[in-house]
Amino acid sequence: MGIGELLLLAVGLSMDAFAVSVCKGLAMKKATIRAQVTCGIWFGGFQGLMPLIGFLLGTMFADAIQSIDHWIAFGLLALIGINMLREAFSKECDCGCCGEDADLSVKTMFVMAVATSIDALAVGISLAMAGNVNIWLAALLIGICTCGFSAVGVKIGNIFGAKFEKKAQLAGGMILILLGT
């Protein structure tokens, strides 16, 4: 997988965290640099860590499923993408932060970071099955991209409201489905 494909993958994966960050920004009276950095580090850190864990799991079971691994990779990416499209077309915010004060506590951010990075775990498994992937570069790009998008998402949510949340999920879902295909 080349750098261009890895960048597309990183952007696609970061859209879920971006949407949640926009939602966080909605709940803030003022989006401070500290709030932006906090969301960026939590979401970017977990999005970068989960593909590594998924890759490790994928390589452990690669021999057992080698004949169908490309279908598993396609299925996982397609399911993640379809789920993001479904969320984009839903009428309500499901990030758990709308209508409340933006809680940036360790407990809240941990739960949200894990929830938004489960798809990155599945992508890590897919990358292990795809073969010929520099997982360290992939994880780094995913983490950095998600960190940046999340930090910007807080500010955008604070300024523009929910206008971009659904569009980000729609774009992310389409990118993941196309990569899977």
Foldseek 3Di string as FASTA:
>chain_A
DDPVLLLLLLLLLLLLLLLLLLQLLLQELDQDLVNLQLSLQLQLVLLLPQLVLLLVVLLVCCVVCLVCLLVQLLVLLLVLLVVLLVCLPDDDDPLPRHPHHNDSDPVSSNVSNCVSNPSSNSNSSSDNSVPPDPSNVSSNSNSNSNSVSSSVSSVCSNPPNNPCSSVSSNSSSVSSNVSSD
